[in-house]
Amino acid sequence: MPDLHVASEAKFQDVLSVPAQFSIAPLGSLSVAALLLINLPTVLENSASAARIVFSKQSPLLQLPTDFVSRPVPPFQTASSLRNCARGAFLDGDKSVIHPSFPNDPLPMWVVSYWLAMSHALENQRDWHASHDWVYDRFDVVPTDRQELEIIDKVLDVLESLPWDAPLKGFGAQTDLRSTELRPLLGSCPIHGRVLDSMIAVVVQRMQASDDEDLQSVSVESLDFADILRLSDKRWKSYETDKAVVRLRTIGSALREGALHRILLPINIDNVHWAVIKVDATNQSISYADSLGWSWPNKDIDAIHRWLGYHGFAKFNWVTTLQHGKQHDLFSCGIAALNTIKHALFQDPLFTDNRAFSLRMEEFLYIVYDLLEVWISHSR
């Protein structure tokens, strides 16, 4: 007896499949530079009418209007929402999609997939243009800084081969990033946690490749560590058995036994700002480094003391030994926090406003070179 669920799913996938002649969205494997040169036949829709697109039980047009591919497409967020609702609409018996700007044109349901692909490409083309322009404009700002000029040239060169939307391998694989998510590193804007975690993965790899024995007694943690420290009191009562705190138990035991001497962990403050905490078991101290000079996050320090207490430590002293740079903008805290960690480990020069943009591009290159190395090897 046929599996009706499987048959229904196959039918749904067929209904949502874009015909070959309309599969014109550029592939994510295309380079950023190539994407910027493509003249797509449509644009993003700016009107609010896109929010009023509906599914309909009308039969779709047998032949699409001749101007279909030149019609504006809804924003990616709208297209994504429609795609998420498509299964329910299909099961309810809907057969077409109607755009309020063309109420007499019931379109086949696959246009939702078409809109999704085209809006994704258009928005990324726009955003990659902004990133490219940001990098190129640096030529006018730093005409005498040879080091940054070399970095700019490297970034522009790598954009010639970097896929504009591909899953990151290597360092980035740990955070499930795509190449599109690296764009904030090429702009005057904050970076999100997954990018910061990828940059930390680069640091960890550098530590592992080093011959410096002192680095073998240091652990640099991902953002998960601080998140786990913030678990509820109920979860802390099960500290010895809760699977969510395995990493805390492992690191705590290593500190107690002397296998580790220090840990460095990035921490997010109020969901808007990145800073760094150092826990030093040798000196039994905690240090906090904040590029904006904000006050210590007392609750987080209390959580660290509670964690250390489970491993037999008394409360550590609060010290200010973790050196850090100072930022004067509102978006460089992620780069400054990472620089704090790299200065503590490798004695990298401290963050300054003059180096802020250069550091962003350097971090972009660290991740991208690793991606391209894996990408090229897999493409052979």
Protein backbone atom coordinates (compact mmCIF):
# COMPACT_ATOMS: atom_id res chain seq x y z
CA MET A 1 0.00 0.00 0.00
CA PRO A 2 1.51 3.38 -1.00
CA ASP A 3 2.68 5.74 1.74
CA LEU A 4 0.30 8.68 1.41
CA HIS A 5 2.51 10.96 3.47
CA VAL A 6 5.52 10.31 1.22
CA ALA A 7 3.38 10.81 -1.88
CA SER A 8 1.99 14.08 -0.51
CA GLU A 9 5.47 15.33 0.36
CA ALA A 10 6.73 14.51 -3.13
CA LYS A 11 3.77 16.36 -4.64
CA PHE A 12 4.45 19.39 -2.43
CA GLN A 13 8.12 19.47 -3.39
CA ASP A 14 7.15 19.26 -7.04
CA VAL A 15 4.68 22.14 -6.68
CA LEU A 16 7.35 24.30 -5.02
CA SER A 17 10.08 23.42 -7.52
CA VAL A 18 11.09 26.31 -9.80
CA PRO A 19 11.11 25.37 -13.51
CA ALA A 20 14.55 25.40 -15.10
CA GLN A 21 13.81 28.43 -17.29
CA PHE A 22 13.08 30.51 -14.18
CA SER A 23 16.00 29.23 -12.07
CA ILE A 24 17.95 32.40 -12.78
CA ALA A 25 19.16 33.30 -9.29
CA PRO A 26 22.99 33.22 -9.16
CA LEU A 27 24.50 30.20 -7.45
CA GLY A 28 26.04 30.77 -4.05
CA SER A 29 29.31 29.27 -5.33
CA LEU A 30 29.77 32.29 -7.60
CA SER A 31 32.46 34.66 -6.37
CA VAL A 32 31.58 37.92 -4.65
CA ALA A 33 33.22 39.88 -7.46
CA ALA A 34 31.18 38.04 -10.09
CA LEU A 35 27.97 38.57 -8.12
CA LEU A 36 28.60 42.32 -8.09
CA LEU A 37 28.83 42.37 -11.88
CA ILE A 38 25.59 40.51 -12.55
CA ASN A 39 22.71 42.60 -13.83
CA LEU A 40 19.70 40.81 -12.36
CA PRO A 41 16.44 41.40 -14.29
CA THR A 42 14.45 42.53 -11.25
CA VAL A 43 14.70 44.59 -8.08
CA LEU A 44 13.52 44.33 -4.50
CA GLU A 45 10.01 45.56 -3.83
CA ASN A 46 9.79 48.50 -1.45
CA SER A 47 6.03 48.88 -1.16
CA ALA A 48 4.02 47.49 1.73
CA SER A 49 1.86 45.55 -0.73
CA ALA A 50 4.26 42.60 -0.53
CA ALA A 51 2.97 41.92 2.97
CA ARG A 52 -0.50 41.33 1.50
CA ILE A 53 0.48 38.46 -0.79
CA VAL A 54 -1.92 35.56 -0.24
CA PHE A 55 -2.36 31.95 -1.23
CA SER A 56 -5.46 31.16 -3.26
CA LYS A 57 -7.53 28.20 -4.34
CA GLN A 58 -7.75 29.59 -7.87
CA SER A 59 -6.00 27.58 -10.53
CA PRO A 60 -2.73 29.24 -11.56
CA LEU A 61 -2.15 30.81 -14.95
CA LEU A 62 -1.11 28.30 -17.58
CA GLN A 63 1.31 30.84 -18.99
CA LEU A 64 3.06 33.47 -16.93
CA PRO A 65 2.84 37.16 -17.92
CA THR A 66 5.63 38.22 -20.27
CA ASP A 67 6.91 40.74 -17.70
CA PHE A 68 7.05 38.22 -14.85
CA VAL A 69 10.83 38.09 -14.36
CA SER A 70 11.11 41.89 -14.43
CA ARG A 71 8.49 42.39 -11.74
CA PRO A 72 9.92 43.43 -8.33
CA VAL A 73 10.26 40.60 -5.83
CA PRO A 74 9.25 40.83 -2.16
CA PRO A 75 11.96 41.20 0.50
CA PHE A 76 13.68 38.05 1.69
CA GLN A 77 11.92 38.13 5.06
CA THR A 78 8.52 38.20 3.34
CA ALA A 79 9.51 35.47 0.89
CA SER A 80 10.79 33.32 3.77
CA SER A 81 7.53 33.74 5.65
CA LEU A 82 5.56 32.73 2.55
CA ARG A 83 7.79 29.69 2.06
CA ASN A 84 7.21 28.65 5.68
CA CYS A 85 3.43 28.92 5.18
CA ALA A 86 3.42 27.14 1.81
CA ARG A 87 3.08 23.62 3.20
CA GLY A 88 0.00 24.50 5.24
CA ALA A 89 -1.51 26.32 2.26
CA PHE A 90 -0.88 23.33 0.02
CA LEU A 91 -2.49 20.94 2.51
CA ASP A 92 -5.48 23.30 2.71
CA GLY A 93 -5.99 22.97 -1.03
CA ASP A 94 -4.46 26.26 -2.19
CA LYS A 95 -3.13 26.16 -5.74
CA SER A 96 -1.78 29.61 -6.47
CA VAL A 97 -0.31 32.82 -5.08
CA ILE A 98 -1.79 36.25 -5.64
CA HIS A 99 0.16 39.48 -5.37
CA PRO A 100 -2.07 42.52 -4.60
CA SER A 101 -0.36 44.52 -7.34
CA PHE A 102 -1.52 41.91 -9.87
CA PRO A 103 -4.81 40.59 -8.47
CA ASN A 104 -5.85 39.01 -11.76
CA ASP A 105 -2.70 36.95 -12.08
CA PRO A 106 -2.93 33.82 -9.90
CA LEU A 107 0.66 32.60 -10.01
CA PRO A 108 1.83 29.01 -9.52
CA MET A 109 2.96 28.23 -5.99
CA TRP A 110 6.56 27.75 -7.06
CA VAL A 111 6.89 31.53 -7.38
CA VAL A 112 7.39 31.51 -3.60
CA SER A 113 10.62 29.54 -4.11
CA TYR A 114 11.57 31.85 -6.98
CA TRP A 115 11.01 34.95 -4.84
CA LEU A 116 13.01 33.42 -2.01
CA ALA A 117 16.02 32.73 -4.23
CA MET A 118 15.88 36.06 -6.06
CA SER A 119 15.39 38.19 -2.94
CA HIS A 120 18.26 36.38 -1.24
CA ALA A 121 20.52 37.13 -4.20
CA LEU A 122 19.37 40.75 -4.51
CA GLU A 123 19.80 41.54 -0.83
CA ASN A 124 23.21 39.92 -0.73
CA GLN A 125 24.28 41.69 -3.90
CA ARG A 126 23.29 44.98 -2.28
CA ASP A 127 25.07 44.16 0.97
CA TRP A 128 28.22 42.82 -0.70
CA HIS A 129 28.29 46.02 -2.75
CA ALA A 130 28.26 47.99 0.51
CA SER A 131 31.09 45.85 1.92
CA HIS A 132 33.14 46.18 -1.26
CA ASP A 133 32.67 49.95 -1.27
CA TRP A 134 33.64 50.14 2.42
CA VAL A 135 36.91 48.35 1.68
CA TYR A 136 37.61 50.35 -1.47
CA ASP A 137 36.93 53.65 0.30
CA ARG A 138 39.76 52.85 2.71
CA PHE A 139 42.17 53.71 -0.11
CA ASP A 140 41.16 57.35 0.29
CA VAL A 141 41.45 57.27 4.08
CA VAL A 142 44.86 55.60 4.51
CA PRO A 143 46.92 56.66 1.47
CA THR A 144 50.21 56.50 3.43
CA ASP A 145 49.62 53.47 5.64
CA ARG A 146 51.46 50.78 3.69
CA GLN A 147 50.43 47.96 6.02
CA GLU A 148 46.72 48.70 5.74
CA LEU A 149 47.01 49.28 1.99
CA GLU A 150 48.43 45.78 1.66
CA ILE A 151 45.53 44.38 3.71
CA ILE A 152 43.02 46.22 1.51
CA ASP A 153 44.60 44.74 -1.61
CA LYS A 154 44.41 41.26 -0.10
CA VAL A 155 40.73 41.65 0.77
CA LEU A 156 39.83 42.91 -2.71
CA ASP A 157 41.84 40.06 -4.19
CA VAL A 158 40.12 37.43 -2.08
CA LEU A 159 36.69 38.73 -3.09
CA GLU A 160 37.56 37.60 -6.61
CA SER A 161 37.38 33.97 -5.48
CA LEU A 162 35.32 33.92 -2.27
CA PRO A 163 31.90 32.30 -2.87
CA TRP A 164 29.27 34.88 -2.01
CA ASP A 165 27.05 32.37 -0.17
CA ALA A 166 28.69 29.12 0.81
CA PRO A 167 28.94 27.20 4.08
CA LEU A 168 32.18 27.91 5.89
CA LYS A 169 34.55 25.04 6.41
CA GLY A 170 37.62 24.95 8.61
CA PHE A 171 37.38 27.45 11.47
CA GLY A 172 33.87 28.55 10.55
CA ALA A 173 32.50 25.02 10.52
CA GLN A 174 32.36 25.12 14.31
CA THR A 175 29.72 27.85 14.19
CA ASP A 176 27.74 26.83 11.10
CA LEU A 177 28.48 30.12 9.35
CA ARG A 178 28.00 31.01 5.72
CA SER A 179 30.28 33.35 3.81
CA THR A 180 27.51 35.96 3.67
CA GLU A 181 27.70 36.26 7.46
CA LEU A 182 31.26 37.58 7.29
CA ARG A 183 30.15 40.85 5.70
CA PRO A 184 29.92 42.74 9.04
CA LEU A 185 33.70 42.42 9.30
CA LEU A 186 33.88 44.61 6.20
CA GLY A 187 31.83 47.49 7.52
CA SER A 188 31.34 49.97 10.33
CA CYS A 189 28.90 47.82 12.27
CA PRO A 190 28.80 45.38 15.20
CA ILE A 191 29.62 41.71 14.73
CA HIS A 192 27.42 38.93 16.01
CA GLY A 193 28.35 36.06 18.26
CA ARG A 194 28.82 33.38 15.63
CA VAL A 195 31.41 35.49 13.83
CA LEU A 196 33.18 36.13 17.14
CA ASP A 197 33.17 32.40 17.84
CA SER A 198 34.77 31.77 14.45
CA MET A 199 37.48 34.30 15.22
CA ILE A 200 38.06 32.57 18.56
CA ALA A 201 38.40 29.26 16.70
CA VAL A 202 41.20 30.88 14.68
CA VAL A 203 42.91 31.89 17.93
CA VAL A 204 42.61 28.36 19.35
CA GLN A 205 44.12 26.92 16.17
CA ARG A 206 47.00 29.38 16.43
CA MET A 207 47.56 28.34 20.05
CA GLN A 208 47.59 24.66 19.15
CA ALA A 209 50.17 25.28 16.42
CA SER A 210 52.45 27.25 18.76
CA ASP A 211 55.57 25.87 20.45
CA ASP A 212 54.99 28.15 23.45
CA GLU A 213 54.50 25.76 26.37
CA ASP A 214 52.74 28.43 28.42
CA LEU A 215 49.90 28.47 25.89
CA GLN A 216 49.24 24.80 26.57
CA SER A 217 48.06 25.73 30.07
CA VAL A 218 45.58 28.33 28.80
CA SER A 219 42.05 27.70 27.53
CA VAL A 220 40.18 30.20 25.37
CA GLU A 221 36.47 29.47 25.52
CA SER A 222 33.66 30.03 23.04
CA LEU A 223 30.60 32.07 23.92
CA ASP A 224 28.80 28.93 25.09
CA PHE A 225 30.89 28.97 28.25
CA ALA A 226 29.48 32.30 29.47
CA ASP A 227 25.97 31.21 28.46
CA ILE A 228 26.28 28.06 30.55
CA LEU A 229 27.50 30.08 33.52
CA ARG A 230 24.20 31.97 33.31
CA LEU A 231 22.02 28.87 33.66
CA SER A 232 19.24 28.96 36.25
CA ASP A 233 19.71 28.06 39.91
CA LYS A 234 17.70 24.90 39.28
CA ARG A 235 20.24 23.72 36.72
CA TRP A 236 23.13 24.56 39.03
CA LYS A 237 21.68 22.27 41.67
CA SER A 238 22.36 19.42 39.24
CA TYR A 239 25.90 20.58 38.50
CA GLU A 240 27.47 17.16 39.02
CA THR A 241 25.15 15.41 36.55
CA ASP A 242 23.65 17.97 34.14
CA LYS A 243 24.95 17.32 30.62
CA ALA A 244 24.72 21.02 29.81
CA VAL A 245 27.62 21.81 32.15
CA VAL A 246 30.07 19.11 31.03
CA ARG A 247 32.42 21.78 29.70
CA LEU A 248 32.34 23.67 32.99
CA ARG A 249 33.10 20.50 34.93
CA THR A 250 35.97 19.62 32.57
CA ILE A 251 37.60 23.05 32.74
CA GLY A 252 36.99 23.39 36.49
CA SER A 253 38.67 20.06 37.15
CA ALA A 254 41.61 20.99 34.93
CA LEU A 255 42.09 24.23 36.89
CA ARG A 256 41.90 22.37 40.19
CA GLU A 257 44.40 19.73 39.09
CA GLY A 258 46.81 22.29 37.61
CA ALA A 259 46.51 21.06 34.03
CA LEU A 260 45.16 24.52 33.18
CA HIS A 261 46.33 27.75 34.78
CA ARG A 262 44.17 30.36 33.05
CA ILE A 263 41.03 30.65 30.99
CA LEU A 264 39.93 33.55 28.81
CA LEU A 265 36.29 33.91 27.88
CA PRO A 266 34.44 36.49 25.83
CA ILE A 267 31.17 37.65 27.34
CA ASN A 268 28.21 39.58 26.04
CA ILE A 269 26.91 42.41 28.20
CA ASP A 270 23.21 43.34 27.95
CA ASN A 271 23.04 41.85 24.44
CA VAL A 272 24.83 44.89 23.02
CA HIS A 273 28.49 44.76 24.02
CA TRP A 274 31.44 42.34 24.02
CA ALA A 275 34.06 42.14 26.77
CA VAL A 276 36.54 39.59 28.15
CA ILE A 277 37.07 37.87 31.51
CA LYS A 278 40.27 36.13 32.61
CA VAL A 279 40.24 33.52 35.36
CA ASP A 280 43.73 32.85 36.73
CA ALA A 281 43.92 29.82 39.02
CA THR A 282 47.63 30.34 39.74
CA ASN A 283 47.10 33.80 41.21
CA GLN A 284 43.51 33.00 42.19
CA SER A 285 42.28 36.15 40.49
CA ILE A 286 39.61 37.33 38.07
CA SER A 287 40.21 40.19 35.68
CA TYR A 288 37.71 42.01 33.47
CA ALA A 289 38.62 43.91 30.27
CA ASP A 290 36.09 46.25 28.67
CA SER A 291 36.99 48.51 25.74
CA LEU A 292 34.21 50.93 26.70
CA GLY A 293 35.17 51.03 30.35
CA TRP A 294 31.84 49.72 31.62
CA SER A 295 31.55 48.49 35.19
CA TRP A 296 32.19 44.86 36.09
CA PRO A 297 29.30 42.44 35.39
CA ASN A 298 28.73 41.46 39.02
CA LYS A 299 26.25 38.67 38.32
CA ASP A 300 28.63 36.99 35.94
CA ILE A 301 31.50 37.26 38.40
CA ASP A 302 29.25 35.72 41.07
CA ALA A 303 28.47 32.87 38.67
CA ILE A 304 32.19 32.28 38.12
CA HIS A 305 32.76 32.15 41.86
CA ARG A 306 29.92 29.68 42.24
CA TRP A 307 31.43 27.53 39.49
CA LEU A 308 34.91 27.66 41.04
CA GLY A 309 33.40 26.82 44.39
CA TYR A 310 32.18 23.49 43.03
CA HIS A 311 35.84 22.67 42.40
CA GLY A 312 37.10 23.57 45.83
CA PHE A 313 38.29 27.13 45.23
CA ALA A 314 37.69 30.01 47.59
CA LYS A 315 36.61 33.32 46.07
CA PHE A 316 39.21 34.81 43.74
CA ASN A 317 40.46 38.38 43.96
CA TRP A 318 39.26 41.01 41.50
CA VAL A 319 42.22 42.51 39.62
CA THR A 320 42.76 44.69 36.55
CA THR A 321 45.72 42.90 35.00
CA LEU A 322 44.06 42.06 31.68
CA GLN A 323 45.22 44.79 29.32
CA HIS A 324 42.88 46.09 26.65
CA GLY A 325 42.45 48.88 24.12
CA LYS A 326 39.84 51.61 24.22
CA GLN A 327 37.22 52.18 21.56
CA HIS A 328 35.57 55.50 20.77
CA ASP A 329 32.88 54.21 18.41
CA LEU A 330 29.81 52.07 19.06
CA PHE A 331 30.62 49.05 16.89
CA SER A 332 34.19 47.87 17.49
CA CYS A 333 33.73 46.02 20.79
CA GLY A 334 33.85 42.56 19.19
CA ILE A 335 37.13 43.29 17.44
CA ALA A 336 38.50 44.97 20.57
CA ALA A 337 37.51 41.98 22.74
CA LEU A 338 39.22 39.55 20.40
CA ASN A 339 42.29 41.80 20.37
CA THR A 340 42.33 41.68 24.18
CA ILE A 341 42.55 37.90 24.01
CA LYS A 342 45.24 37.95 21.30
CA HIS A 343 47.30 40.51 23.23
CA ALA A 344 47.13 38.34 26.36
CA LEU A 345 48.20 35.24 24.42
CA PHE A 346 50.50 36.45 21.65
CA GLN A 347 51.36 40.02 22.68
CA ASP A 348 49.60 41.43 19.60
CA PRO A 349 49.58 45.27 19.67
CA LEU A 350 46.58 46.59 21.58
CA PHE A 351 43.50 47.83 19.77
CA THR A 352 43.37 51.53 18.87
CA ASP A 353 40.85 53.50 16.86
CA ASN A 354 43.45 53.97 14.14
CA ARG A 355 43.79 50.21 13.74
CA ALA A 356 40.11 49.33 14.13
CA PHE A 357 39.32 48.93 10.43
CA SER A 358 42.60 47.20 9.63
CA LEU A 359 41.94 44.66 12.40
CA ARG A 360 38.46 43.95 11.02
CA MET A 361 39.89 43.17 7.59
CA GLU A 362 42.67 41.03 9.08
CA GLU A 363 40.14 38.89 10.95
CA PHE A 364 38.10 38.56 7.75
CA LEU A 365 41.18 37.28 5.95
CA TYR A 366 42.11 34.78 8.69
CA ILE A 367 38.72 33.09 8.36
CA VAL A 368 38.39 33.40 4.59
CA TYR A 369 41.84 32.00 3.77
CA ASP A 370 40.96 28.88 5.73
CA LEU A 371 37.61 28.64 3.92
CA LEU A 372 39.18 29.03 0.50
CA GLU A 373 41.84 26.42 1.22
CA VAL A 374 39.16 23.86 2.05
CA TRP A 375 36.89 25.08 -0.76
CA ILE A 376 39.60 24.73 -3.42
CA SER A 377 40.65 21.27 -2.21
CA HIS A 378 37.02 20.05 -2.35
CA SER A 379 36.48 21.56 -5.81
CA ARG A 380 39.36 19.65 -7.42
